[in-house]
Amino acid sequence: MQAKEINVLKQQATALGQFLSGHAATTLNEATLLEALAVMHGADTWEALCARKAKRASKADKRVSACSVDELIKFAIAKGATFGDFSRHVTREQSDLEAAYANYARDELQSDGELEFDDGCVVSVSEDGGAYVQGWAWVNRSDIEDYYEGSDDEDDENDEDSDD
């Protein structure tokens, strides 16, 4: 079991002790309070509670580690994750060179409402003396009529789900 979870349980035991001392005019030592807390959580002893929680955490770790990255991403998408959510979690600090490419793209190529580059955007530096810089290009709905045969209702549903 993680130290953080043990500390939370110990805080619960301390709160229980404070409650009991205020209402029953008795003071219990930490070991007794931890045993009482274990019983409240359905375990026979404090050690059994810690072992049970560690086993659950281990099972959860095994379930997650048994999943491929693709499976985890599919699960996150099914739970409503968006590209924006992923990009916030997978971006890393840019190197000075990557930052220079990103800054150039923002300063020299960006056109508000047409082509934009986020802070911390993905930069793929090439050995050919340049880099690809991830940006956002605006496309008007009227421009895609030859490419899209869906209904306007479908587009409205996508707008409601999007945070970006």
N, C-alpha and C. Protein backbone atom coordinates (compact mmCIF):
# COMPACT_ATOMS: atom_id res chain seq x y z
N MET A 1 0.85 -1.17 0.00
CA MET A 1 0.00 0.00 0.00
C MET A 1 0.90 1.23 0.00
N GLN A 2 0.47 2.26 -0.69
CA GLN A 2 1.27 3.47 -0.79
C GLN A 2 1.25 4.24 0.52
N ALA A 3 2.34 4.95 0.79
CA ALA A 3 2.47 5.72 2.02
C ALA A 3 1.34 6.74 2.14
N LYS A 4 0.94 7.32 1.02
CA LYS A 4 -0.12 8.32 1.04
C LYS A 4 -1.42 7.71 1.57
N GLU A 5 -1.75 6.50 1.10
CA GLU A 5 -2.97 5.84 1.55
C GLU A 5 -2.88 5.45 3.02
N ILE A 6 -1.70 5.02 3.47
CA ILE A 6 -1.50 4.70 4.89
C ILE A 6 -1.70 5.96 5.73
N ASN A 7 -1.16 7.08 5.27
CA ASN A 7 -1.33 8.34 5.99
C ASN A 7 -2.80 8.74 6.09
N VAL A 8 -3.55 8.54 5.02
CA VAL A 8 -4.99 8.85 5.06
C VAL A 8 -5.68 7.98 6.09
N LEU A 9 -5.37 6.69 6.10
CA LEU A 9 -5.98 5.80 7.09
C LEU A 9 -5.58 6.20 8.50
N LYS A 10 -4.32 6.60 8.70
CA LYS A 10 -3.89 7.03 10.03
C LYS A 10 -4.59 8.32 10.45
N GLN A 11 -4.83 9.21 9.48
CA GLN A 11 -5.59 10.42 9.78
C GLN A 11 -7.01 10.07 10.19
N GLN A 12 -7.60 9.08 9.51
CA GLN A 12 -8.93 8.63 9.89
C GLN A 12 -8.92 8.07 11.31
N ALA A 13 -7.88 7.31 11.64
CA ALA A 13 -7.77 6.74 12.99
C ALA A 13 -7.63 7.85 14.03
N THR A 14 -6.86 8.89 13.71
CA THR A 14 -6.69 10.02 14.63
C THR A 14 -8.03 10.72 14.83
N ALA A 15 -8.76 10.93 13.73
CA ALA A 15 -10.08 11.57 13.84
C ALA A 15 -11.02 10.72 14.67
N LEU A 16 -10.97 9.42 14.49
CA LEU A 16 -11.79 8.50 15.29
C LEU A 16 -11.43 8.64 16.77
N GLY A 17 -10.13 8.69 17.06
CA GLY A 17 -9.68 8.84 18.44
C GLY A 17 -10.16 10.15 19.05
N GLN A 18 -10.09 11.23 18.27
CA GLN A 18 -10.57 12.52 18.77
C GLN A 18 -12.07 12.48 19.05
N PHE A 19 -12.80 11.83 18.16
CA PHE A 19 -14.25 11.70 18.35
C PHE A 19 -14.54 10.92 19.62
N LEU A 20 -13.87 9.77 19.78
CA LEU A 20 -14.13 8.92 20.94
C LEU A 20 -13.73 9.61 22.24
N SER A 21 -12.59 10.31 22.22
CA SER A 21 -12.16 10.96 23.46
C SER A 21 -13.11 12.09 23.84
N GLY A 22 -13.72 12.71 22.87
CA GLY A 22 -14.67 13.79 23.14
C GLY A 22 -16.03 13.30 23.58
N HIS A 23 -16.38 12.08 23.20
CA HIS A 23 -17.72 11.57 23.50
C HIS A 23 -17.72 10.46 24.55
N ALA A 24 -16.62 9.77 24.69
CA ALA A 24 -16.61 8.66 25.64
C ALA A 24 -15.64 8.90 26.79
N ALA A 25 -15.07 10.08 26.82
CA ALA A 25 -14.12 10.44 27.88
C ALA A 25 -13.05 9.38 28.05
N THR A 26 -12.55 8.87 26.94
CA THR A 26 -11.49 7.87 26.97
C THR A 26 -10.46 8.21 25.91
N THR A 27 -9.24 7.86 26.16
CA THR A 27 -8.17 8.09 25.20
C THR A 27 -7.61 6.73 24.80
N LEU A 28 -7.53 6.50 23.47
CA LEU A 28 -7.02 5.24 22.95
C LEU A 28 -5.68 5.48 22.27
N ASN A 29 -4.78 4.49 22.37
CA ASN A 29 -3.49 4.66 21.69
C ASN A 29 -3.65 4.41 20.19
N GLU A 30 -2.63 4.81 19.42
CA GLU A 30 -2.70 4.71 17.96
C GLU A 30 -2.92 3.28 17.49
N ALA A 31 -2.26 2.32 18.11
CA ALA A 31 -2.39 0.92 17.69
C ALA A 31 -3.83 0.45 17.83
N THR A 32 -4.49 0.81 18.93
CA THR A 32 -5.88 0.42 19.15
C THR A 32 -6.79 1.09 18.13
N LEU A 33 -6.52 2.36 17.85
CA LEU A 33 -7.34 3.09 16.86
C LEU A 33 -7.17 2.49 15.47
N LEU A 34 -5.93 2.11 15.12
CA LEU A 34 -5.70 1.51 13.80
C LEU A 34 -6.43 0.18 13.69
N GLU A 35 -6.43 -0.60 14.76
CA GLU A 35 -7.16 -1.88 14.75
C GLU A 35 -8.66 -1.63 14.61
N ALA A 36 -9.17 -0.60 15.31
CA ALA A 36 -10.60 -0.26 15.21
C ALA A 36 -10.93 0.17 13.78
N LEU A 37 -10.07 0.94 13.20
CA LEU A 37 -10.29 1.39 11.82
C LEU A 37 -10.27 0.20 10.86
N ALA A 38 -9.37 -0.73 11.09
CA ALA A 38 -9.31 -1.93 10.24
C ALA A 38 -10.63 -2.68 10.31
N VAL A 39 -11.17 -2.85 11.51
CA VAL A 39 -12.45 -3.54 11.67
C VAL A 39 -13.56 -2.78 10.95
N MET A 40 -13.52 -1.44 11.03
CA MET A 40 -14.52 -0.63 10.33
C MET A 40 -14.44 -0.84 8.81
N HIS A 41 -13.24 -1.15 8.31
CA HIS A 41 -13.06 -1.42 6.88
C HIS A 41 -13.24 -2.90 6.55
N GLY A 42 -13.66 -3.69 7.52
CA GLY A 42 -13.96 -5.10 7.26
C GLY A 42 -12.77 -6.04 7.34
N ALA A 43 -11.67 -5.60 7.98
CA ALA A 43 -10.49 -6.46 8.13
C ALA A 43 -10.33 -6.84 9.60
N ASP A 44 -9.67 -7.96 9.85
CA ASP A 44 -9.47 -8.41 11.23
C ASP A 44 -8.40 -7.59 11.96
N THR A 45 -7.36 -7.20 11.22
CA THR A 45 -6.26 -6.46 11.83
C THR A 45 -5.80 -5.36 10.90
N TRP A 46 -5.01 -4.42 11.47
CA TRP A 46 -4.42 -3.35 10.67
C TRP A 46 -3.54 -3.92 9.56
N GLU A 47 -2.75 -4.93 9.88
CA GLU A 47 -1.87 -5.54 8.88
C GLU A 47 -2.69 -6.18 7.76
N ALA A 48 -3.81 -6.82 8.12
CA ALA A 48 -4.67 -7.44 7.11
C ALA A 48 -5.27 -6.38 6.19
N LEU A 49 -5.66 -5.24 6.77
CA LEU A 49 -6.21 -4.15 5.95
C LEU A 49 -5.15 -3.64 4.98
N CYS A 50 -3.94 -3.43 5.48
CA CYS A 50 -2.85 -2.95 4.61
C CYS A 50 -2.57 -3.96 3.50
N ALA A 51 -2.54 -5.24 3.85
CA ALA A 51 -2.27 -6.29 2.86
C ALA A 51 -3.38 -6.34 1.82
N ARG A 52 -4.63 -6.22 2.25
CA ARG A 52 -5.77 -6.25 1.31
C ARG A 52 -5.70 -5.08 0.34
N LYS A 53 -5.42 -3.89 0.87
CA LYS A 53 -5.34 -2.70 0.00
C LYS A 53 -4.15 -2.81 -0.96
N ALA A 54 -3.04 -3.36 -0.49
CA ALA A 54 -1.87 -3.55 -1.36
C ALA A 54 -2.19 -4.55 -2.47
N LYS A 55 -2.92 -5.60 -2.14
CA LYS A 55 -3.29 -6.62 -3.13
C LYS A 55 -4.20 -6.01 -4.19
N ARG A 56 -5.17 -5.18 -3.75
CA ARG A 56 -6.06 -4.52 -4.71
C ARG A 56 -5.27 -3.59 -5.63
N ALA A 57 -4.35 -2.84 -5.05
CA ALA A 57 -3.53 -1.93 -5.85
C ALA A 57 -2.69 -2.71 -6.84
N SER A 58 -2.15 -3.85 -6.41
CA SER A 58 -1.34 -4.70 -7.28
C SER A 58 -2.17 -5.24 -8.44
N LYS A 59 -3.40 -5.67 -8.15
CA LYS A 59 -4.29 -6.17 -9.21
C LYS A 59 -4.59 -5.07 -10.21
N ALA A 60 -4.86 -3.87 -9.70
CA ALA A 60 -5.15 -2.74 -10.60
C ALA A 60 -3.93 -2.43 -11.46
N ASP A 61 -2.74 -2.43 -10.85
CA ASP A 61 -1.51 -2.19 -11.62
C ASP A 61 -1.33 -3.24 -12.70
N LYS A 62 -1.61 -4.51 -12.37
CA LYS A 62 -1.46 -5.58 -13.35
C LYS A 62 -2.45 -5.42 -14.48
N ARG A 63 -3.71 -5.01 -14.17
CA ARG A 63 -4.71 -4.81 -15.22
C ARG A 63 -4.27 -3.71 -16.16
N VAL A 64 -3.78 -2.62 -15.60
CA VAL A 64 -3.35 -1.50 -16.43
C VAL A 64 -2.11 -1.87 -17.22
N SER A 65 -1.13 -2.52 -16.59
CA SER A 65 0.10 -2.85 -17.30
C SER A 65 -0.13 -3.92 -18.36
N ALA A 66 -1.22 -4.70 -18.23
CA ALA A 66 -1.52 -5.72 -19.23
C ALA A 66 -2.15 -5.09 -20.48
N CYS A 67 -2.59 -3.86 -20.37
CA CYS A 67 -3.22 -3.18 -21.50
C CYS A 67 -2.15 -2.56 -22.39
N SER A 68 -2.42 -2.56 -23.67
CA SER A 68 -1.52 -1.85 -24.58
C SER A 68 -1.87 -0.36 -24.53
N VAL A 69 -0.98 0.46 -25.04
CA VAL A 69 -1.25 1.89 -25.10
C VAL A 69 -2.51 2.14 -25.92
N ASP A 70 -2.66 1.41 -27.03
CA ASP A 70 -3.86 1.57 -27.87
C ASP A 70 -5.13 1.28 -27.08
N GLU A 71 -5.11 0.22 -26.25
CA GLU A 71 -6.29 -0.13 -25.46
C GLU A 71 -6.60 0.96 -24.44
N LEU A 72 -5.56 1.50 -23.81
CA LEU A 72 -5.77 2.57 -22.84
C LEU A 72 -6.35 3.81 -23.52
N ILE A 73 -5.83 4.14 -24.70
CA ILE A 73 -6.34 5.30 -25.43
C ILE A 73 -7.79 5.07 -25.84
N LYS A 74 -8.11 3.88 -26.35
CA LYS A 74 -9.50 3.58 -26.72
C LYS A 74 -10.42 3.69 -25.52
N PHE A 75 -9.96 3.21 -24.36
CA PHE A 75 -10.75 3.31 -23.13
C PHE A 75 -10.98 4.78 -22.77
N ALA A 76 -9.92 5.58 -22.84
CA ALA A 76 -10.04 7.00 -22.50
C ALA A 76 -11.00 7.71 -23.44
N ILE A 77 -10.94 7.38 -24.73
CA ILE A 77 -11.84 7.99 -25.70
C ILE A 77 -13.28 7.59 -25.40
N ALA A 78 -13.49 6.32 -25.06
CA ALA A 78 -14.83 5.85 -24.71
C ALA A 78 -15.37 6.58 -23.49
N LYS A 79 -14.47 7.02 -22.61
CA LYS A 79 -14.87 7.77 -21.42
C LYS A 79 -14.96 9.27 -21.69
N GLY A 80 -14.76 9.69 -22.95
CA GLY A 80 -14.95 11.08 -23.31
C GLY A 80 -13.70 11.91 -23.49
N ALA A 81 -12.52 11.30 -23.46
CA ALA A 81 -11.29 12.05 -23.64
C ALA A 81 -11.22 12.61 -25.06
N THR A 82 -10.65 13.79 -25.19
CA THR A 82 -10.50 14.44 -26.49
C THR A 82 -9.02 14.54 -26.85
N PHE A 83 -8.74 14.94 -28.08
CA PHE A 83 -7.36 15.15 -28.50
C PHE A 83 -6.69 16.18 -27.60
N GLY A 84 -7.43 17.22 -27.23
CA GLY A 84 -6.89 18.24 -26.35
C GLY A 84 -6.44 17.66 -25.02
N ASP A 85 -7.24 16.73 -24.47
CA ASP A 85 -6.87 16.07 -23.21
C ASP A 85 -5.56 15.32 -23.37
N PHE A 86 -5.43 14.57 -24.47
CA PHE A 86 -4.21 13.81 -24.70
C PHE A 86 -3.02 14.72 -24.87
N SER A 87 -3.18 15.76 -25.68
CA SER A 87 -2.03 16.62 -25.96
C SER A 87 -1.53 17.31 -24.71
N ARG A 88 -2.43 17.66 -23.77
CA ARG A 88 -1.99 18.28 -22.52
C ARG A 88 -1.18 17.31 -21.67
N HIS A 89 -1.47 16.01 -21.79
CA HIS A 89 -0.80 15.03 -20.94
C HIS A 89 0.45 14.42 -21.57
N VAL A 90 0.57 14.48 -22.86
CA VAL A 90 1.73 13.84 -23.50
C VAL A 90 2.77 14.83 -23.97
N THR A 91 2.46 16.12 -23.90
CA THR A 91 3.47 17.08 -24.31
C THR A 91 4.55 17.14 -23.24
N ARG A 92 5.71 17.48 -23.68
CA ARG A 92 6.84 17.60 -22.77
C ARG A 92 7.46 18.97 -23.00
N GLU A 93 8.38 19.34 -22.15
CA GLU A 93 9.05 20.61 -22.32
C GLU A 93 9.87 20.57 -23.61
N GLN A 94 9.76 21.64 -24.39
CA GLN A 94 10.49 21.69 -25.65
C GLN A 94 11.96 22.00 -25.41
N SER A 95 12.80 21.44 -26.28
CA SER A 95 14.22 21.83 -26.26
C SER A 95 14.31 23.26 -26.80
N ASP A 96 15.46 23.87 -26.64
CA ASP A 96 15.64 25.23 -27.15
C ASP A 96 15.42 25.28 -28.66
N LEU A 97 15.90 24.25 -29.38
CA LEU A 97 15.73 24.21 -30.84
C LEU A 97 14.26 24.07 -31.21
N GLU A 98 13.56 23.16 -30.53
CA GLU A 98 12.12 22.98 -30.80
C GLU A 98 11.36 24.27 -30.50
N ALA A 99 11.69 24.92 -29.40
CA ALA A 99 11.03 26.17 -29.04
C ALA A 99 11.28 27.25 -30.10
N ALA A 100 12.49 27.27 -30.67
CA ALA A 100 12.80 28.25 -31.71
C ALA A 100 11.92 28.02 -32.94
N TYR A 101 11.76 26.75 -33.35
CA TYR A 101 10.88 26.45 -34.49
C TYR A 101 9.44 26.85 -34.17
N ALA A 102 8.96 26.52 -32.97
CA ALA A 102 7.59 26.86 -32.58
C ALA A 102 7.38 28.37 -32.54
N ASN A 103 8.34 29.09 -31.97
CA ASN A 103 8.24 30.55 -31.89
C ASN A 103 8.23 31.17 -33.28
N TYR A 104 9.09 30.67 -34.17
CA TYR A 104 9.10 31.17 -35.56
C TYR A 104 7.74 30.94 -36.21
N ALA A 105 7.20 29.73 -36.03
CA ALA A 105 5.89 29.41 -36.64
C ALA A 105 4.82 30.36 -36.12
N ARG A 106 4.81 30.62 -34.81
CA ARG A 106 3.81 31.54 -34.25
C ARG A 106 4.02 32.97 -34.75
N ASP A 107 5.27 33.41 -34.77
CA ASP A 107 5.55 34.81 -35.13
C ASP A 107 5.43 35.07 -36.63
N GLU A 108 5.84 34.11 -37.45
CA GLU A 108 5.95 34.36 -38.89
C GLU A 108 4.89 33.68 -39.75
N LEU A 109 4.33 32.58 -39.28
CA LEU A 109 3.39 31.82 -40.11
C LEU A 109 1.94 31.92 -39.63
N GLN A 110 1.77 32.20 -38.34
CA GLN A 110 0.44 32.20 -37.75
C GLN A 110 -0.41 33.33 -38.32
N SER A 111 -1.67 33.01 -38.56
CA SER A 111 -2.66 33.99 -38.97
C SER A 111 -3.92 33.69 -38.17
N ASP A 112 -4.22 34.53 -37.17
CA ASP A 112 -5.32 34.25 -36.25
C ASP A 112 -6.59 33.88 -37.00
N GLY A 113 -7.18 32.76 -36.56
CA GLY A 113 -8.40 32.28 -37.17
C GLY A 113 -8.19 31.47 -38.42
N GLU A 114 -6.96 31.38 -38.91
CA GLU A 114 -6.68 30.59 -40.11
C GLU A 114 -5.65 29.51 -39.85
N LEU A 115 -4.51 29.88 -39.31
CA LEU A 115 -3.45 28.93 -38.97
C LEU A 115 -2.86 29.37 -37.64
N GLU A 116 -2.96 28.48 -36.64
CA GLU A 116 -2.50 28.83 -35.29
C GLU A 116 -1.63 27.72 -34.71
N PHE A 117 -0.69 28.11 -33.84
CA PHE A 117 0.23 27.18 -33.19
C PHE A 117 0.11 27.37 -31.69
N ASP A 118 -0.22 26.31 -30.97
CA ASP A 118 -0.35 26.37 -29.51
C ASP A 118 1.01 26.49 -28.85
N ASP A 119 1.01 27.05 -27.64
CA ASP A 119 2.22 26.99 -26.81
C ASP A 119 2.49 25.52 -26.53
N GLY A 120 3.74 25.12 -26.59
CA GLY A 120 4.08 23.72 -26.33
C GLY A 120 3.68 22.77 -27.44
N CYS A 121 3.44 23.30 -28.65
CA CYS A 121 3.02 22.45 -29.76
C CYS A 121 4.11 21.41 -30.09
N VAL A 122 3.68 20.35 -30.73
CA VAL A 122 4.61 19.29 -31.11
C VAL A 122 5.51 19.78 -32.23
N VAL A 123 6.81 19.56 -32.07
CA VAL A 123 7.80 19.93 -33.08
C VAL A 123 8.63 18.69 -33.37
N SER A 124 8.70 18.32 -34.64
CA SER A 124 9.49 17.16 -35.06
C SER A 124 10.66 17.66 -35.89
N VAL A 125 11.82 17.71 -35.26
CA VAL A 125 13.01 18.21 -35.93
C VAL A 125 13.55 17.14 -36.86
N SER A 126 13.86 17.54 -38.07
CA SER A 126 14.35 16.62 -39.09
C SER A 126 15.86 16.76 -39.26
N GLU A 127 16.48 15.70 -39.69
CA GLU A 127 17.92 15.75 -40.00
C GLU A 127 18.18 16.53 -41.29
N ASP A 128 17.12 16.87 -42.02
CA ASP A 128 17.25 17.57 -43.29
C ASP A 128 17.34 19.09 -43.13
N GLY A 129 17.49 19.57 -41.88
CA GLY A 129 17.67 21.00 -41.67
C GLY A 129 16.39 21.78 -41.48
N GLY A 130 15.37 21.18 -40.98
CA GLY A 130 14.10 21.86 -40.73
C GLY A 130 13.30 21.09 -39.69
N ALA A 131 12.02 21.45 -39.58
CA ALA A 131 11.17 20.77 -38.61
C ALA A 131 9.72 20.88 -39.03
N TYR A 132 8.93 19.90 -38.64
CA TYR A 132 7.48 19.97 -38.77
C TYR A 132 6.96 20.51 -37.45
N VAL A 133 6.09 21.53 -37.53
CA VAL A 133 5.52 22.15 -36.34
C VAL A 133 4.01 21.96 -36.40
N GLN A 134 3.46 21.33 -35.36
CA GLN A 134 2.03 21.04 -35.35
C GLN A 134 1.24 22.32 -35.12
N GLY A 135 0.28 22.53 -35.98
CA GLY A 135 -0.57 23.71 -35.86
C GLY A 135 -2.02 23.37 -36.16
N TRP A 136 -2.85 24.37 -36.08
CA TRP A 136 -4.28 24.22 -36.34
C TRP A 136 -4.66 25.08 -37.54
N ALA A 137 -5.26 24.45 -38.53
CA ALA A 137 -5.73 25.18 -39.70
C ALA A 137 -7.25 25.24 -39.65
N TRP A 138 -7.83 26.43 -39.83
CA TRP A 138 -9.27 26.59 -39.82
C TRP A 138 -9.83 26.23 -41.20
N VAL A 139 -10.90 25.44 -41.20
CA VAL A 139 -11.58 25.06 -42.43
C VAL A 139 -13.04 25.43 -42.27
N ASN A 140 -13.56 26.25 -43.18
CA ASN A 140 -14.97 26.61 -43.15
C ASN A 140 -15.84 25.44 -43.57
N ARG A 141 -16.99 25.33 -42.95
CA ARG A 141 -17.93 24.25 -43.27
C ARG A 141 -18.33 24.30 -44.75
N SER A 142 -18.51 25.49 -45.27
CA SER A 142 -18.91 25.62 -46.67
C SER A 142 -17.85 25.10 -47.64
N ASP A 143 -16.60 25.02 -47.18
CA ASP A 143 -15.52 24.55 -48.04
C ASP A 143 -15.45 23.03 -48.17
N ILE A 144 -16.20 22.31 -47.36
CA ILE A 144 -16.10 20.84 -47.37
C ILE A 144 -17.31 20.15 -48.01
N GLU A 145 -18.16 20.90 -48.65
CA GLU A 145 -19.38 20.31 -49.23
C GLU A 145 -19.09 19.15 -50.16
N ASP A 146 -18.00 19.22 -50.93
CA ASP A 146 -17.64 18.13 -51.84
C ASP A 146 -17.04 16.93 -51.10
N TYR A 147 -16.70 17.08 -49.83
CA TYR A 147 -16.05 16.02 -49.06
C TYR A 147 -16.94 15.40 -47.99
N TYR A 148 -18.09 16.02 -47.71
CA TYR A 148 -18.92 15.60 -46.59
C TYR A 148 -20.37 15.46 -47.03
N GLU A 149 -20.94 14.31 -46.76
CA GLU A 149 -22.33 14.08 -47.11
C GLU A 149 -23.21 13.89 -45.88
N GLY A 150 -22.66 14.09 -44.67
CA GLY A 150 -23.41 13.91 -43.43
C GLY A 150 -24.41 15.02 -43.22
N SER A 151 -25.18 14.90 -42.17
CA SER A 151 -26.19 15.90 -41.85
C SER A 151 -25.63 16.97 -40.94
N ASP A 152 -26.30 18.11 -40.90
CA ASP A 152 -25.90 19.18 -39.98
C ASP A 152 -26.08 18.75 -38.54
N ASP A 153 -27.05 17.86 -38.25
CA ASP A 153 -27.28 17.38 -36.89
C ASP A 153 -26.04 16.67 -36.36
N GLU A 154 -25.38 15.87 -37.21
CA GLU A 154 -24.17 15.14 -36.80
C GLU A 154 -23.09 16.12 -36.40
N ASP A 155 -22.94 17.22 -37.13
CA ASP A 155 -21.94 18.22 -36.82
C ASP A 155 -22.27 18.90 -35.48
N ASP A 156 -23.54 19.18 -35.22
CA ASP A 156 -23.95 19.80 -33.96
C ASP A 156 -23.61 18.90 -32.78
N GLU A 157 -23.78 17.59 -32.92
CA GLU A 157 -23.44 16.65 -31.85
C GLU A 157 -21.96 16.70 -31.54
N ASN A 158 -21.13 16.77 -32.57
CA ASN A 158 -19.68 16.84 -32.37
C ASN A 158 -19.29 18.14 -31.68
N ASP A 159 -19.96 19.24 -32.01
CA ASP A 159 -19.67 20.52 -31.38
C ASP A 159 -19.94 20.49 -29.89
N GLU A 160 -21.01 19.79 -29.48
CA GLU A 160 -21.38 19.71 -28.06
C GLU A 160 -20.35 18.91 -27.28
N ASP A 161 -19.74 17.88 -27.90
CA ASP A 161 -18.78 17.03 -27.21
C ASP A 161 -17.41 17.64 -27.11
N SER A 162 -17.10 18.62 -27.93
CA SER A 162 -15.74 19.14 -28.03
C SER A 162 -15.48 20.22 -26.98
N ASP A 163 -14.27 20.17 -26.39
CA ASP A 163 -13.84 21.21 -25.46
C ASP A 163 -12.95 22.22 -26.15
N ASP A 164 -12.46 21.88 -27.32
CA ASP A 164 -11.51 22.75 -28.03
C ASP A 164 -12.23 23.66 -28.99
